[in-house]
Amino acid sequence: LRFVERGIGVAVVPAMVVIDRPGLHSRRLVRPQLTRTVNL
């Protein structure tokens, strides 16, 4: 996350990671869309 904020490159992360991180901009990944299921 710190490397991405410094502009070194982009990263693929879960959507929740972007919460309360104003230094990051997120875009949807499509064709294909990748998802994951979180379980307890």
PDB file of all heavy atoms in Angstrom:
ATOM      1  N   LEU A   1       0.825  -1.212   0.000  1.00  0.00           N
ATOM      2  CA  LEU A   1       0.000   0.000   0.000  1.00  0.00           C
ATOM      3  C   LEU A   1       0.860   1.263   0.000  1.00  0.00           C
ATOM      4  O   LEU A   1       0.535   2.249  -0.669  1.00  0.00           O
ATOM      5  CB  LEU A   1      -0.931  -0.020   1.212  1.00  0.00           C
ATOM      6  CG  LEU A   1      -1.925  -1.194   1.258  1.00  0.00           C
ATOM      7  CD1 LEU A   1      -2.798  -1.107   2.499  1.00  0.00           C
ATOM      8  CD2 LEU A   1      -2.775  -1.249   0.001  1.00  0.00           C
ATOM      9  N   ARG A   2       1.953   1.232   0.748  1.00  0.00           N
ATOM     10  CA  ARG A   2       2.839   2.402   0.771  1.00  0.00           C
ATOM     11  C   ARG A   2       3.504   2.611  -0.586  1.00  0.00           C
ATOM     12  O   ARG A   2       3.631   3.757  -1.068  1.00  0.00           O
ATOM     13  CB  ARG A   2       3.898   2.224   1.858  1.00  0.00           C
ATOM     14  CG  ARG A   2       4.803   3.438   2.065  1.00  0.00           C
ATOM     15  CD  ARG A   2       4.002   4.674   2.460  1.00  0.00           C
ATOM     16  NE  ARG A   2       3.279   4.459   3.694  1.00  0.00           N
ATOM     17  CZ  ARG A   2       3.782   4.712   4.907  1.00  0.00           C
ATOM     18  NH1 ARG A   2       5.013   5.160   5.029  1.00  0.00           N
ATOM     19  NH2 ARG A   2       3.052   4.517   5.978  1.00  0.00           N
ATOM     20  N   PHE A   3       3.932   1.539  -1.246  1.00  0.00           N
ATOM     21  CA  PHE A   3       4.550   1.657  -2.560  1.00  0.00           C
ATOM     22  C   PHE A   3       3.547   2.225  -3.581  1.00  0.00           C
ATOM     23  O   PHE A   3       3.910   3.048  -4.418  1.00  0.00           O
ATOM     24  CB  PHE A   3       5.054   0.292  -3.051  1.00  0.00           C
ATOM     25  CG  PHE A   3       6.220  -0.253  -2.280  1.00  0.00           C
ATOM     26  CD1 PHE A   3       6.567  -1.597  -2.387  1.00  0.00           C
ATOM     27  CD2 PHE A   3       6.969   0.553  -1.443  1.00  0.00           C
ATOM     28  CE1 PHE A   3       7.651  -2.109  -1.678  1.00  0.00           C
ATOM     29  CE2 PHE A   3       8.049   0.044  -0.730  1.00  0.00           C
ATOM     30  CZ  PHE A   3       8.390  -1.288  -0.849  1.00  0.00           C
ATOM     31  N   VAL A   4       2.309   1.757  -3.494  1.00  0.00           N
ATOM     32  CA  VAL A   4       1.284   2.271  -4.409  1.00  0.00           C
ATOM     33  C   VAL A   4       1.051   3.756  -4.157  1.00  0.00           C
ATOM     34  O   VAL A   4       0.955   4.560  -5.100  1.00  0.00           O
ATOM     35  CB  VAL A   4      -0.025   1.479  -4.257  1.00  0.00           C
ATOM     36  CG1 VAL A   4      -1.157   2.144  -5.050  1.00  0.00           C
ATOM     37  CG2 VAL A   4       0.158   0.036  -4.730  1.00  0.00           C
ATOM     38  N   GLU A   5       0.956   4.163  -2.899  1.00  0.00           N
ATOM     39  CA  GLU A   5       0.756   5.582  -2.581  1.00  0.00           C
ATOM     40  C   GLU A   5       1.905   6.443  -3.088  1.00  0.00           C
ATOM     41  O   GLU A   5       1.716   7.613  -3.405  1.00  0.00           O
ATOM     42  CB  GLU A   5       0.612   5.749  -1.067  1.00  0.00           C
ATOM     43  CG  GLU A   5      -0.704   5.222  -0.524  1.00  0.00           C
ATOM     44  CD  GLU A   5      -0.767   5.245   0.988  1.00  0.00           C
ATOM     45  OE1 GLU A   5       0.303   5.327   1.640  1.00  0.00           O
ATOM     46  OE2 GLU A   5      -1.885   5.179   1.530  1.00  0.00           O
ATOM     47  N   ARG A   6       3.092   5.868  -3.199  1.00  0.00           N
ATOM     48  CA  ARG A   6       4.255   6.595  -3.716  1.00  0.00           C
ATOM     49  C   ARG A   6       4.305   6.611  -5.240  1.00  0.00           C
ATOM     50  O   ARG A   6       5.214   7.180  -5.835  1.00  0.00           O
ATOM     51  CB  ARG A   6       5.549   5.966  -3.182  1.00  0.00           C
ATOM     52  CG  ARG A   6       5.760   6.107  -1.686  1.00  0.00           C
ATOM     53  CD  ARG A   6       6.026   7.564  -1.292  1.00  0.00           C
ATOM     54  NE  ARG A   6       6.458   7.665   0.099  1.00  0.00           N
ATOM     55  CZ  ARG A   6       5.640   7.762   1.144  1.00  0.00           C
ATOM     56  NH1 ARG A   6       4.331   7.792   0.943  1.00  0.00           N
ATOM     57  NH2 ARG A   6       6.118   7.852   2.371  1.00  0.00           N
ATOM     58  N   GLY A   7       3.327   5.959  -5.884  1.00  0.00           N
ATOM     59  CA  GLY A   7       3.264   5.988  -7.333  1.00  0.00           C
ATOM     60  C   GLY A   7       4.165   4.998  -8.035  1.00  0.00           C
ATOM     61  O   GLY A   7       4.409   5.105  -9.240  1.00  0.00           O
ATOM     62  N   ILE A   8       4.660   3.977  -7.316  1.00  0.00           N
ATOM     63  CA  ILE A   8       5.575   3.004  -7.921  1.00  0.00           C
ATOM     64  C   ILE A   8       4.835   2.081  -8.884  1.00  0.00           C
ATOM     65  O   ILE A   8       5.402   1.610  -9.872  1.00  0.00           O
ATOM     66  CB  ILE A   8       6.277   2.199  -6.810  1.00  0.00           C
ATOM     67  CG1 ILE A   8       7.185   3.131  -6.000  1.00  0.00           C
ATOM     68  CG2 ILE A   8       7.078   1.029  -7.385  1.00  0.00           C
ATOM     69  CD1 ILE A   8       7.790   2.492  -4.766  1.00  0.00           C
ATOM     70  N   GLY A   9       3.573   1.815  -8.608  1.00  0.00           N
ATOM     71  CA  GLY A   9       2.775   0.949  -9.471  1.00  0.00           C
ATOM     72  C   GLY A   9       1.382   0.815  -8.901  1.00  0.00           C
ATOM     73  O   GLY A   9       1.033   1.459  -7.900  1.00  0.00           O
ATOM     74  N   VAL A  10       0.580  -0.005  -9.535  1.00  0.00           N
ATOM     75  CA  VAL A  10      -0.766  -0.281  -9.038  1.00  0.00           C
ATOM     76  C   VAL A  10      -0.737  -1.633  -8.343  1.00  0.00           C
ATOM     77  O   VAL A  10       0.241  -2.375  -8.422  1.00  0.00           O
ATOM     78  CB  VAL A  10      -1.800  -0.291 -10.184  1.00  0.00           C
ATOM     79  CG1 VAL A  10      -1.784   1.026 -10.947  1.00  0.00           C
ATOM     80  CG2 VAL A  10      -1.563  -1.474 -11.136  1.00  0.00           C
ATOM     81  N   ALA A  11      -1.830  -1.966  -7.656  1.00  0.00           N
ATOM     82  CA  ALA A  11      -1.921  -3.268  -6.993  1.00  0.00           C
ATOM     83  C   ALA A  11      -3.368  -3.738  -7.016  1.00  0.00           C
ATOM     84  O   ALA A  11      -4.301  -2.929  -7.038  1.00  0.00           O
ATOM     85  CB  ALA A  11      -1.424  -3.186  -5.557  1.00  0.00           C
ATOM     86  N   VAL A  12      -3.545  -5.048  -7.012  1.00  0.00           N
ATOM     87  CA  VAL A  12      -4.869  -5.654  -6.921  1.00  0.00           C
ATOM     88  C   VAL A  12      -5.106  -6.009  -5.458  1.00  0.00           C
ATOM     89  O   VAL A  12      -4.344  -6.781  -4.865  1.00  0.00           O
ATOM     90  CB  VAL A  12      -4.973  -6.920  -7.798  1.00  0.00           C
ATOM     91  CG1 VAL A  12      -6.355  -7.556  -7.651  1.00  0.00           C
ATOM     92  CG2 VAL A  12      -4.701  -6.579  -9.256  1.00  0.00           C
ATOM     93  N   VAL A  13      -6.158  -5.434  -4.884  1.00  0.00           N
ATOM     94  CA  VAL A  13      -6.455  -5.636  -3.463  1.00  0.00           C
ATOM     95  C   VAL A  13      -7.954  -5.836  -3.285  1.00  0.00           C
ATOM     96  O   VAL A  13      -8.747  -5.467  -4.146  1.00  0.00           O
ATOM     97  CB  VAL A  13      -5.991  -4.433  -2.605  1.00  0.00           C
ATOM     98  CG1 VAL A  13      -4.496  -4.190  -2.758  1.00  0.00           C
ATOM     99  CG2 VAL A  13      -6.778  -3.181  -2.956  1.00  0.00           C
ATOM    100  N   PRO A  14      -8.373  -6.403  -2.164  1.00  0.00           N
ATOM    101  CA  PRO A  14      -9.805  -6.481  -1.868  1.00  0.00           C
ATOM    102  C   PRO A  14     -10.392  -5.082  -1.671  1.00  0.00           C
ATOM    103  O   PRO A  14      -9.713  -4.164  -1.190  1.00  0.00           O
ATOM    104  CB  PRO A  14      -9.845  -7.287  -0.563  1.00  0.00           C
ATOM    105  CG  PRO A  14      -8.539  -8.004  -0.512  1.00  0.00           C
ATOM    106  CD  PRO A  14      -7.551  -7.104  -1.149  1.00  0.00           C
ATOM    107  N   ALA A  15     -11.662  -4.912  -2.005  1.00  0.00           N
ATOM    108  CA  ALA A  15     -12.296  -3.593  -1.949  1.00  0.00           C
ATOM    109  C   ALA A  15     -12.226  -2.977  -0.560  1.00  0.00           C
ATOM    110  O   ALA A  15     -12.080  -1.756  -0.414  1.00  0.00           O
ATOM    111  CB  ALA A  15     -13.752  -3.699  -2.411  1.00  0.00           C
ATOM    112  N   MET A  16     -12.320  -3.796   0.497  1.00  0.00           N
ATOM    113  CA  MET A  16     -12.340  -3.253   1.850  1.00  0.00           C
ATOM    114  C   MET A  16     -11.033  -2.573   2.241  1.00  0.00           C
ATOM    115  O   MET A  16     -11.010  -1.726   3.131  1.00  0.00           O
ATOM    116  CB  MET A  16     -12.657  -4.357   2.867  1.00  0.00           C
ATOM    117  CG  MET A  16     -14.089  -4.817   2.858  1.00  0.00           C
ATOM    118  SD  MET A  16     -14.456  -5.933   4.239  1.00  0.00           S
ATOM    119  CE  MET A  16     -13.505  -7.386   3.795  1.00  0.00           C
ATOM    120  N   VAL A  17      -9.942  -2.930   1.588  1.00  0.00           N
ATOM    121  CA  VAL A  17      -8.641  -2.364   1.941  1.00  0.00           C
ATOM    122  C   VAL A  17      -8.607  -0.855   1.710  1.00  0.00           C
ATOM    123  O   VAL A  17      -7.862  -0.128   2.374  1.00  0.00           O
ATOM    124  CB  VAL A  17      -7.529  -3.066   1.131  1.00  0.00           C
ATOM    125  CG1 VAL A  17      -6.206  -2.327   1.238  1.00  0.00           C
ATOM    126  CG2 VAL A  17      -7.361  -4.500   1.613  1.00  0.00           C
ATOM    127  N   VAL A  18      -9.431  -0.361   0.793  1.00  0.00           N
ATOM    128  CA  VAL A  18      -9.387   1.052   0.416  1.00  0.00           C
ATOM    129  C   VAL A  18     -10.087   1.938   1.446  1.00  0.00           C
ATOM    130  O   VAL A  18      -9.954   3.158   1.408  1.00  0.00           O
ATOM    131  CB  VAL A  18     -10.006   1.243  -0.984  1.00  0.00           C
ATOM    132  CG1 VAL A  18      -9.748   2.642  -1.528  1.00  0.00           C
ATOM    133  CG2 VAL A  18      -9.428   0.222  -1.964  1.00  0.00           C
ATOM    134  N   ILE A  19     -10.827   1.344   2.390  1.00  0.00           N
ATOM    135  CA  ILE A  19     -11.550   2.129   3.392  1.00  0.00           C
ATOM    136  C   ILE A  19     -10.582   3.029   4.154  1.00  0.00           C
ATOM    137  O   ILE A  19      -9.538   2.587   4.632  1.00  0.00           O
ATOM    138  CB  ILE A  19     -12.282   1.197   4.381  1.00  0.00           C
ATOM    139  CG1 ILE A  19     -13.316   0.343   3.655  1.00  0.00           C
ATOM    140  CG2 ILE A  19     -12.951   1.996   5.484  1.00  0.00           C
ATOM    141  CD1 ILE A  19     -13.963  -0.699   4.552  1.00  0.00           C
ATOM    142  N   ASP A  20     -10.939   4.317   4.269  1.00  0.00           N
ATOM    143  CA  ASP A  20     -10.166   5.291   5.050  1.00  0.00           C
ATOM    144  C   ASP A  20      -8.723   5.415   4.576  1.00  0.00           C
ATOM    145  O   ASP A  20      -7.808   5.642   5.376  1.00  0.00           O
ATOM    146  CB  ASP A  20     -10.191   4.926   6.547  1.00  0.00           C
ATOM    147  CG  ASP A  20     -11.590   4.970   7.140  1.00  0.00           C
ATOM    148  OD1 ASP A  20     -12.395   5.796   6.675  1.00  0.00           O
ATOM    149  OD2 ASP A  20     -11.867   4.175   8.050  1.00  0.00           O
ATOM    150  N   ARG A  21      -8.494   5.277   3.273  1.00  0.00           N
ATOM    151  CA  ARG A  21      -7.152   5.467   2.721  1.00  0.00           C
ATOM    152  C   ARG A  21      -7.221   6.504   1.603  1.00  0.00           C
ATOM    153  O   ARG A  21      -7.296   6.167   0.422  1.00  0.00           O
ATOM    154  CB  ARG A  21      -6.579   4.142   2.202  1.00  0.00           C
ATOM    155  CG  ARG A  21      -6.258   3.151   3.316  1.00  0.00           C
ATOM    156  CD  ARG A  21      -5.533   1.932   2.815  1.00  0.00           C
ATOM    157  NE  ARG A  21      -5.228   1.044   3.911  1.00  0.00           N
ATOM    158  CZ  ARG A  21      -4.122   1.102   4.656  1.00  0.00           C
ATOM    159  NH1 ARG A  21      -3.229   2.026   4.402  1.00  0.00           N
ATOM    160  NH2 ARG A  21      -3.922   0.256   5.648  1.00  0.00           N
ATOM    161  N   PRO A  22      -7.194   7.794   1.983  1.00  0.00           N
ATOM    162  CA  PRO A  22      -7.319   8.855   0.967  1.00  0.00           C
ATOM    163  C   PRO A  22      -6.165   8.888  -0.015  1.00  0.00           C
ATOM    164  O   PRO A  22      -6.286   9.511  -1.082  1.00  0.00           O
ATOM    165  CB  PRO A  22      -7.366  10.133   1.816  1.00  0.00           C
ATOM    166  CG  PRO A  22      -6.711   9.777   3.115  1.00  0.00           C
ATOM    167  CD  PRO A  22      -7.059   8.337   3.346  1.00  0.00           C
ATOM    168  N   GLY A  23      -5.047   8.233   0.309  1.00  0.00           N
ATOM    169  CA  GLY A  23      -3.920   8.227  -0.612  1.00  0.00           C
ATOM    170  C   GLY A  23      -4.061   7.234  -1.745  1.00  0.00           C
ATOM    171  O   GLY A  23      -3.189   7.164  -2.614  1.00  0.00           O
ATOM    172  N   LEU A  24      -5.183   6.480  -1.751  1.00  0.00           N
ATOM    173  CA  LEU A  24      -5.398   5.473  -2.783  1.00  0.00           C
ATOM    174  C   LEU A  24      -6.642   5.794  -3.610  1.00  0.00           C
ATOM    175  O   LEU A  24      -7.645   6.288  -3.084  1.00  0.00           O
ATOM    176  CB  LEU A  24      -5.554   4.089  -2.156  1.00  0.00           C
ATOM    177  CG  LEU A  24      -4.343   3.518  -1.410  1.00  0.00           C
ATOM    178  CD1 LEU A  24      -4.712   2.189  -0.767  1.00  0.00           C
ATOM    179  CD2 LEU A  24      -3.159   3.349  -2.339  1.00  0.00           C
ATOM    180  N   HIS A  25      -6.556   5.497  -4.879  1.00  0.00           N
ATOM    181  CA  HIS A  25      -7.696   5.602  -5.797  1.00  0.00           C
ATOM    182  C   HIS A  25      -7.986   4.202  -6.328  1.00  0.00           C
ATOM    183  O   HIS A  25      -7.071   3.479  -6.723  1.00  0.00           O
ATOM    184  CB  HIS A  25      -7.339   6.537  -6.960  1.00  0.00           C
ATOM    185  CG  HIS A  25      -8.353   6.529  -8.071  1.00  0.00           C
ATOM    186  ND1 HIS A  25      -9.582   7.130  -7.971  1.00  0.00           N
ATOM    187  CD2 HIS A  25      -8.297   5.962  -9.312  1.00  0.00           C
ATOM    188  CE1 HIS A  25     -10.243   6.953  -9.101  1.00  0.00           C
ATOM    189  NE2 HIS A  25      -9.494   6.249  -9.927  1.00  0.00           N
ATOM    190  N   SER A  26      -9.257   3.790  -6.320  1.00  0.00           N
ATOM    191  CA  SER A  26      -9.589   2.424  -6.745  1.00  0.00           C
ATOM    192  C   SER A  26     -10.447   2.420  -7.997  1.00  0.00           C
ATOM    193  O   SER A  26     -11.231   3.345  -8.237  1.00  0.00           O
ATOM    194  CB  SER A  26     -10.323   1.672  -5.625  1.00  0.00           C
ATOM    195  OG  SER A  26     -11.613   2.188  -5.436  1.00  0.00           O
ATOM    196  N   ARG A  27     -10.267   1.389  -8.808  1.00  0.00           N
ATOM    197  CA  ARG A  27     -11.085   1.144  -9.993  1.00  0.00           C
ATOM    198  C   ARG A  27     -11.513  -0.312 -10.016  1.00  0.00           C
ATOM    199  O   ARG A  27     -10.805  -1.176  -9.490  1.00  0.00           O
ATOM    200  CB  ARG A  27     -10.289   1.448 -11.261  1.00  0.00           C
ATOM    201  CG  ARG A  27     -10.091   2.914 -11.535  1.00  0.00           C
ATOM    202  CD  ARG A  27      -8.857   3.144 -12.380  1.00  0.00           C
ATOM    203  NE  ARG A  27      -7.646   2.862 -11.615  1.00  0.00           N
ATOM    204  CZ  ARG A  27      -6.463   2.627 -12.165  1.00  0.00           C
ATOM    205  NH1 ARG A  27      -6.336   2.582 -13.467  1.00  0.00           N
ATOM    206  NH2 ARG A  27      -5.401   2.391 -11.406  1.00  0.00           N
ATOM    207  N   ARG A  28     -12.636  -0.557 -10.607  1.00  0.00           N
ATOM    208  CA  ARG A  28     -13.134  -1.929 -10.698  1.00  0.00           C
ATOM    209  C   ARG A  28     -12.294  -2.710 -11.701  1.00  0.00           C
ATOM    210  O   ARG A  28     -11.842  -2.191 -12.718  1.00  0.00           O
ATOM    211  CB  ARG A  28     -14.606  -1.951 -11.123  1.00  0.00           C
ATOM    212  CG  ARG A  28     -15.508  -1.139 -10.243  1.00  0.00           C
ATOM    213  CD  ARG A  28     -16.964  -1.351 -10.565  1.00  0.00           C
ATOM    214  NE  ARG A  28     -17.507  -2.464  -9.781  1.00  0.00           N
ATOM    215  CZ  ARG A  28     -18.794  -2.592  -9.496  1.00  0.00           C
ATOM    216  NH1 ARG A  28     -19.663  -1.703  -9.920  1.00  0.00           N
ATOM    217  NH2 ARG A  28     -19.206  -3.614  -8.782  1.00  0.00           N
ATOM    218  N   LEU A  29     -12.109  -3.981 -11.406  1.00  0.00           N
ATOM    219  CA  LEU A  29     -11.435  -4.906 -12.309  1.00  0.00           C
ATOM    220  C   LEU A  29     -12.513  -5.724 -13.006  1.00  0.00           C
ATOM    221  O   LEU A  29     -13.319  -6.394 -12.345  1.00  0.00           O
ATOM    222  CB  LEU A  29     -10.481  -5.807 -11.527  1.00  0.00           C
ATOM    223  CG  LEU A  29      -9.678  -6.837 -12.331  1.00  0.00           C
ATOM    224  CD1 LEU A  29      -8.805  -6.141 -13.367  1.00  0.00           C
ATOM    225  CD2 LEU A  29      -8.825  -7.687 -11.401  1.00  0.00           C
ATOM    226  N   VAL A  30     -12.539  -5.670 -14.331  1.00  0.00           N
ATOM    227  CA  VAL A  30     -13.609  -6.337 -15.091  1.00  0.00           C
ATOM    228  C   VAL A  30     -13.005  -7.206 -16.198  1.00  0.00           C
ATOM    229  O   VAL A  30     -11.836  -7.092 -16.546  1.00  0.00           O
ATOM    230  CB  VAL A  30     -14.572  -5.300 -15.715  1.00  0.00           C
ATOM    231  CG1 VAL A  30     -15.272  -4.501 -14.618  1.00  0.00           C
ATOM    232  CG2 VAL A  30     -13.821  -4.353 -16.664  1.00  0.00           C
ATOM    233  N   ARG A  31     -13.855  -8.075 -16.699  1.00  0.00           N
ATOM    234  CA  ARG A  31     -13.513  -8.971 -17.813  1.00  0.00           C
ATOM    235  C   ARG A  31     -12.165  -9.661 -17.611  1.00  0.00           C
ATOM    236  O   ARG A  31     -11.217  -9.405 -18.357  1.00  0.00           O
ATOM    237  CB  ARG A  31     -13.572  -8.227 -19.154  1.00  0.00           C
ATOM    238  CG  ARG A  31     -14.942  -7.685 -19.470  1.00  0.00           C
ATOM    239  CD  ARG A  31     -15.117  -7.414 -20.949  1.00  0.00           C
ATOM    240  NE  ARG A  31     -14.161  -6.458 -21.479  1.00  0.00           N
ATOM    241  CZ  ARG A  31     -14.316  -5.128 -21.452  1.00  0.00           C
ATOM    242  NH1 ARG A  31     -15.387  -4.584 -20.896  1.00  0.00           N
ATOM    243  NH2 ARG A  31     -13.411  -4.339 -21.994  1.00  0.00           N
ATOM    244  N   PRO A  32     -12.066 -10.592 -16.622  1.00  0.00           N
ATOM    245  CA  PRO A  32     -13.135 -11.002 -15.712  1.00  0.00           C
ATOM    246  C   PRO A  32     -13.116 -10.203 -14.403  1.00  0.00           C
ATOM    247  O   PRO A  32     -12.099  -9.617 -14.034  1.00  0.00           O
ATOM    248  CB  PRO A  32     -12.775 -12.471 -15.415  1.00  0.00           C
ATOM    249  CG  PRO A  32     -11.272 -12.450 -15.410  1.00  0.00           C
ATOM    250  CD  PRO A  32     -10.881 -11.482 -16.498  1.00  0.00           C
ATOM    251  N   GLN A  33     -14.262 -10.220 -13.749  1.00  0.00           N
ATOM    252  CA  GLN A  33     -14.322  -9.668 -12.395  1.00  0.00           C
ATOM    253  C   GLN A  33     -13.847 -10.745 -11.427  1.00  0.00           C
ATOM    254  O   GLN A  33     -14.267 -11.892 -11.519  1.00  0.00           O
ATOM    255  CB  GLN A  33     -15.757  -9.253 -12.059  1.00  0.00           C
ATOM    256  CG  GLN A  33     -15.905  -8.628 -10.683  1.00  0.00           C
ATOM    257  CD  GLN A  33     -17.359  -8.318 -10.355  1.00  0.00           C
ATOM    258  OE1 GLN A  33     -18.079  -9.179  -9.850  1.00  0.00           O
ATOM    259  NE2 GLN A  33     -17.788  -7.115 -10.668  1.00  0.00           N
ATOM    260  N   LEU A  34     -12.970 -10.370 -10.521  1.00  0.00           N
ATOM    261  CA  LEU A  34     -12.451 -11.313  -9.537  1.00  0.00           C
ATOM    262  C   LEU A  34     -13.076 -11.016  -8.176  1.00  0.00           C
ATOM    263  O   LEU A  34     -13.139  -9.861  -7.758  1.00  0.00           O
ATOM    264  CB  LEU A  34     -10.927 -11.221  -9.435  1.00  0.00           C
ATOM    265  CG  LEU A  34     -10.136 -11.453 -10.725  1.00  0.00           C
ATOM    266  CD1 LEU A  34      -8.638 -11.374 -10.444  1.00  0.00           C
ATOM    267  CD2 LEU A  34     -10.483 -12.800 -11.338  1.00  0.00           C
ATOM    268  N   THR A  35     -13.536 -12.052  -7.516  1.00  0.00           N
ATOM    269  CA  THR A  35     -14.151 -11.891  -6.196  1.00  0.00           C
ATOM    270  C   THR A  35     -13.570 -12.926  -5.234  1.00  0.00           C
ATOM    271  O   THR A  35     -12.919 -13.882  -5.644  1.00  0.00           O
ATOM    272  CB  THR A  35     -15.678 -12.067  -6.248  1.00  0.00           C
ATOM    273  OG1 THR A  35     -15.984 -13.406  -6.664  1.00  0.00           O
ATOM    274  CG2 THR A  35     -16.316 -11.064  -7.193  1.00  0.00           C
ATOM    275  N   ARG A  36     -13.829 -12.716  -3.968  1.00  0.00           N
ATOM    276  CA  ARG A  36     -13.463 -13.695  -2.955  1.00  0.00           C
ATOM    277  C   ARG A  36     -14.545 -13.711  -1.889  1.00  0.00           C
ATOM    278  O   ARG A  36     -15.263 -12.720  -1.697  1.00  0.00           O
ATOM    279  CB  ARG A  36     -12.112 -13.375  -2.323  1.00  0.00           C
ATOM    280  CG  ARG A  36     -12.105 -12.103  -1.475  1.00  0.00           C
ATOM    281  CD  ARG A  36     -10.769 -11.921  -0.815  1.00  0.00           C
ATOM    282  NE  ARG A  36     -10.784 -10.864   0.194  1.00  0.00           N
ATOM    283  CZ  ARG A  36      -9.795 -10.628   1.045  1.00  0.00           C
ATOM    284  NH1 ARG A  36      -8.703 -11.366   0.998  1.00  0.00           N
ATOM    285  NH2 ARG A  36      -9.876  -9.658   1.938  1.00  0.00           N
ATOM    286  N   THR A  37     -14.681 -14.838  -1.202  1.00  0.00           N
ATOM    287  CA  THR A  37     -15.639 -14.973  -0.111  1.00  0.00           C
ATOM    288  C   THR A  37     -14.878 -15.002   1.207  1.00  0.00           C
ATOM    289  O   THR A  37     -13.919 -15.754   1.359  1.00  0.00           O
ATOM    290  CB  THR A  37     -16.480 -16.256  -0.254  1.00  0.00           C
ATOM    291  OG1 THR A  37     -17.212 -16.197  -1.475  1.00  0.00           O
ATOM    292  CG2 THR A  37     -17.455 -16.402   0.908  1.00  0.00           C
ATOM    293  N   VAL A  38     -15.323 -14.170   2.139  1.00  0.00           N
ATOM    294  CA  VAL A  38     -14.736 -14.132   3.478  1.00  0.00           C
ATOM    295  C   VAL A  38     -15.638 -14.934   4.412  1.00  0.00           C
ATOM    296  O   VAL A  38     -16.861 -14.726   4.443  1.00  0.00           O
ATOM    297  CB  VAL A  38     -14.593 -12.687   3.981  1.00  0.00           C
ATOM    298  CG1 VAL A  38     -14.061 -12.663   5.421  1.00  0.00           C
ATOM    299  CG2 VAL A  38     -13.667 -11.899   3.067  1.00  0.00           C
ATOM    300  N   ASN A  39     -15.067 -15.865   5.145  1.00  0.00           N
ATOM    301  CA  ASN A  39     -15.815 -16.751   6.036  1.00  0.00           C
ATOM    302  C   ASN A  39     -15.295 -16.641   7.463  1.00  0.00           C
ATOM    303  O   ASN A  39     -14.107 -16.379   7.688  1.00  0.00           O
ATOM    304  CB  ASN A  39     -15.668 -18.215   5.607  1.00  0.00           C
ATOM    305  CG  ASN A  39     -15.934 -18.433   4.132  1.00  0.00           C
ATOM    306  OD1 ASN A  39     -17.047 -18.703   3.727  1.00  0.00           O
ATOM    307  ND2 ASN A  39     -14.882 -18.329   3.315  1.00  0.00           N
ATOM    308  N   LEU A  40     -16.177 -16.900   8.406  1.00  0.00           N
ATOM    309  CA  LEU A  40     -15.769 -17.086   9.792  1.00  0.00           C
ATOM    310  C   LEU A  40     -15.626 -18.580  10.023  1.00  0.00           C
ATOM    311  O   LEU A  40     -16.572 -19.342   9.805  1.00  0.00           O
ATOM    312  CB  LEU A  40     -16.808 -16.506  10.749  1.00  0.00           C
ATOM    313  CG  LEU A  40     -16.499 -16.706  12.242  1.00  0.00           C
ATOM    314  CD1 LEU A  40     -15.316 -15.846  12.653  1.00  0.00           C
ATOM    315  CD2 LEU A  40     -17.720 -16.404  13.098  1.00  0.00           C
TER     316      LEU A  40
END
